[in-house]
Amino acid sequence: MPTFTVLLLVFVGGAIAVAFWLGRMTAPVTADPRSAAEIAERDAFIEQLRELAWQHRDVSPELSTIVIDEITQRHRRGLPGS
C-alpha cells in the first residue's frame, strides 16, 4: 500500500508540474508600461510621417503614394509598424 501512495503522489505531482508548465507556455505575456509608451510614441511618429508625405505630395507624388499606401496597408492588417 505505501508503494501505491508514493506512486500516486509522484503521478499527481508530475501532472501538476506539466499543467503548470503548459499554463506558463500558453499564458499571454503582459507588456510592461514602458512598452506601451514606446508603442504610442512609435505610432505617433508613423502618423507624423503619413501627414508629412501627404503635405509634400507635390514634391514627389509617386513616393508619397507609396509611403501612404504602405502605412495604410500595415495598419489595416494590424502588423507591426502601423
C-alpha atoms as a PDB file:
ATOM      1  CA  MET A   1       0.000   0.000   0.000  1.00  0.00           C
ATOM      2  CA  PRO A   2       2.769   2.550   0.764  1.00  0.00           C
ATOM      3  CA  THR A   3       4.245   1.955  -2.716  1.00  0.00           C
ATOM      4  CA  PHE A   4       0.893   2.772  -4.299  1.00  0.00           C
ATOM      5  CA  THR A   5       0.648   6.013  -2.279  1.00  0.00           C
ATOM      6  CA  VAL A   6       4.159   7.081  -3.311  1.00  0.00           C
ATOM      7  CA  LEU A   7       3.439   6.319  -6.970  1.00  0.00           C
ATOM      8  CA  LEU A   8       0.163   8.217  -6.747  1.00  0.00           C
ATOM      9  CA  LEU A   9       1.888  11.251  -5.214  1.00  0.00           C
ATOM     10  CA  VAL A  10       4.600  11.164  -7.892  1.00  0.00           C
ATOM     11  CA  PHE A  11       1.982  10.890 -10.638  1.00  0.00           C
ATOM     12  CA  VAL A  12      -0.163  13.721  -9.234  1.00  0.00           C
ATOM     13  CA  GLY A  13       2.909  15.902  -8.647  1.00  0.00           C
ATOM     14  CA  GLY A  14       4.083  15.281 -12.202  1.00  0.00           C
ATOM     15  CA  ALA A  15       0.658  16.089 -13.603  1.00  0.00           C
ATOM     16  CA  ILE A  16       0.568  19.347 -11.645  1.00  0.00           C
ATOM     17  CA  ALA A  17       4.066  20.239 -12.870  1.00  0.00           C
ATOM     18  CA  VAL A  18       3.112  19.551 -16.503  1.00  0.00           C
ATOM     19  CA  ALA A  19      -0.118  21.550 -16.150  1.00  0.00           C
ATOM     20  CA  PHE A  20       1.799  24.468 -14.633  1.00  0.00           C
ATOM     21  CA  TRP A  21       4.405  24.328 -17.405  1.00  0.00           C
ATOM     22  CA  LEU A  22       1.746  24.241 -20.129  1.00  0.00           C
ATOM     23  CA  GLY A  23      -0.051  27.145 -18.496  1.00  0.00           C
ATOM     24  CA  ARG A  24       3.135  29.200 -18.499  1.00  0.00           C
ATOM     25  CA  MET A  25       3.782  28.366 -22.149  1.00  0.00           C
ATOM     26  CA  THR A  26       0.318  29.429 -23.311  1.00  0.00           C
ATOM     27  CA  ALA A  27      -0.293  32.368 -20.964  1.00  0.00           C
ATOM     28  CA  PRO A  28      -0.299  35.769 -22.645  1.00  0.00           C
ATOM     29  CA  VAL A  29       2.734  37.882 -21.959  1.00  0.00           C
ATOM     30  CA  THR A  30       1.905  41.168 -20.296  1.00  0.00           C
ATOM     31  CA  ALA A  31       3.732  44.193 -21.579  1.00  0.00           C
ATOM     32  CA  ASP A  32       5.433  46.497 -19.149  1.00  0.00           C
ATOM     33  CA  PRO A  33       4.312  50.154 -19.081  1.00  0.00           C
ATOM     34  CA  ARG A  34       7.412  51.334 -20.931  1.00  0.00           C
ATOM     35  CA  SER A  35       6.497  49.161 -23.887  1.00  0.00           C
ATOM     36  CA  ALA A  36       3.063  50.759 -24.122  1.00  0.00           C
ATOM     37  CA  ALA A  37       4.631  54.226 -24.041  1.00  0.00           C
ATOM     38  CA  GLU A  38       7.169  53.250 -26.693  1.00  0.00           C
ATOM     39  CA  ILE A  39       4.416  51.844 -28.912  1.00  0.00           C
ATOM     40  CA  ALA A  40       2.375  55.027 -28.542  1.00  0.00           C
ATOM     41  CA  GLU A  41       5.436  57.120 -29.413  1.00  0.00           C
ATOM     42  CA  ARG A  42       6.128  54.948 -32.465  1.00  0.00           C
ATOM     43  CA  ASP A  43       2.517  55.199 -33.626  1.00  0.00           C
ATOM     44  CA  ALA A  44       2.607  58.993 -33.279  1.00  0.00           C
ATOM     45  CA  PHE A  45       5.819  59.107 -35.306  1.00  0.00           C
ATOM     46  CA  ILE A  46       4.327  56.950 -38.050  1.00  0.00           C
ATOM     47  CA  GLU A  47       1.247  59.170 -38.178  1.00  0.00           C
ATOM     48  CA  GLN A  48       3.553  62.188 -38.448  1.00  0.00           C
ATOM     49  CA  LEU A  49       5.335  60.530 -41.401  1.00  0.00           C
ATOM     50  CA  ARG A  50       1.998  59.877 -43.087  1.00  0.00           C
ATOM     51  CA  GLU A  51       0.990  63.522 -42.673  1.00  0.00           C
ATOM     52  CA  LEU A  52       4.380  64.705 -43.946  1.00  0.00           C
ATOM     53  CA  ALA A  53       4.054  62.527 -47.055  1.00  0.00           C
ATOM     54  CA  TRP A  54       0.548  63.882 -47.663  1.00  0.00           C
ATOM     55  CA  GLN A  55       1.546  67.534 -47.163  1.00  0.00           C
ATOM     56  CA  HIS A  56       4.513  67.275 -49.534  1.00  0.00           C
ATOM     57  CA  ARG A  57       2.949  65.044 -52.174  1.00  0.00           C
ATOM     58  CA  ASP A  58       3.586  67.749 -54.791  1.00  0.00           C
ATOM     59  CA  VAL A  59       7.361  67.242 -54.379  1.00  0.00           C
ATOM     60  CA  SER A  60       7.218  63.536 -55.182  1.00  0.00           C
ATOM     61  CA  PRO A  61       3.718  62.225 -55.810  1.00  0.00           C
ATOM     62  CA  GLU A  62       4.884  58.679 -56.516  1.00  0.00           C
ATOM     63  CA  LEU A  63       6.954  58.386 -53.348  1.00  0.00           C
ATOM     64  CA  SER A  64       4.222  59.963 -51.227  1.00  0.00           C
ATOM     65  CA  THR A  65       1.691  57.493 -52.596  1.00  0.00           C
ATOM     66  CA  ILE A  66       3.980  54.557 -51.837  1.00  0.00           C
ATOM     67  CA  VAL A  67       4.635  55.724 -48.259  1.00  0.00           C
ATOM     68  CA  ILE A  68       0.967  56.426 -47.511  1.00  0.00           C
ATOM     69  CA  ASP A  69      -0.179  53.142 -49.076  1.00  0.00           C
ATOM     70  CA  GLU A  70       2.390  51.094 -47.139  1.00  0.00           C
ATOM     71  CA  ILE A  71       1.392  52.673 -43.821  1.00  0.00           C
ATOM     72  CA  THR A  72      -2.293  52.173 -44.594  1.00  0.00           C
ATOM     73  CA  GLN A  73      -1.828  48.518 -45.594  1.00  0.00           C
ATOM     74  CA  ARG A  74       0.120  47.694 -42.450  1.00  0.00           C
ATOM     75  CA  HIS A  75      -2.448  49.499 -40.333  1.00  0.00           C
ATOM     76  CA  ARG A  76      -5.302  47.523 -41.891  1.00  0.00           C
ATOM     77  CA  ARG A  77      -3.522  44.199 -41.428  1.00  0.00           C
ATOM     78  CA  GLY A  78      -2.559  45.089 -37.872  1.00  0.00           C
ATOM     79  CA  LEU A  79       1.123  44.364 -38.441  1.00  0.00           C
ATOM     80  CA  PRO A  80       3.962  45.948 -36.505  1.00  0.00           C
ATOM     81  CA  GLY A  81       4.901  49.304 -37.867  1.00  0.00           C
ATOM     82  CA  SER A  82       1.352  50.510 -38.146  1.00  0.00           C
END
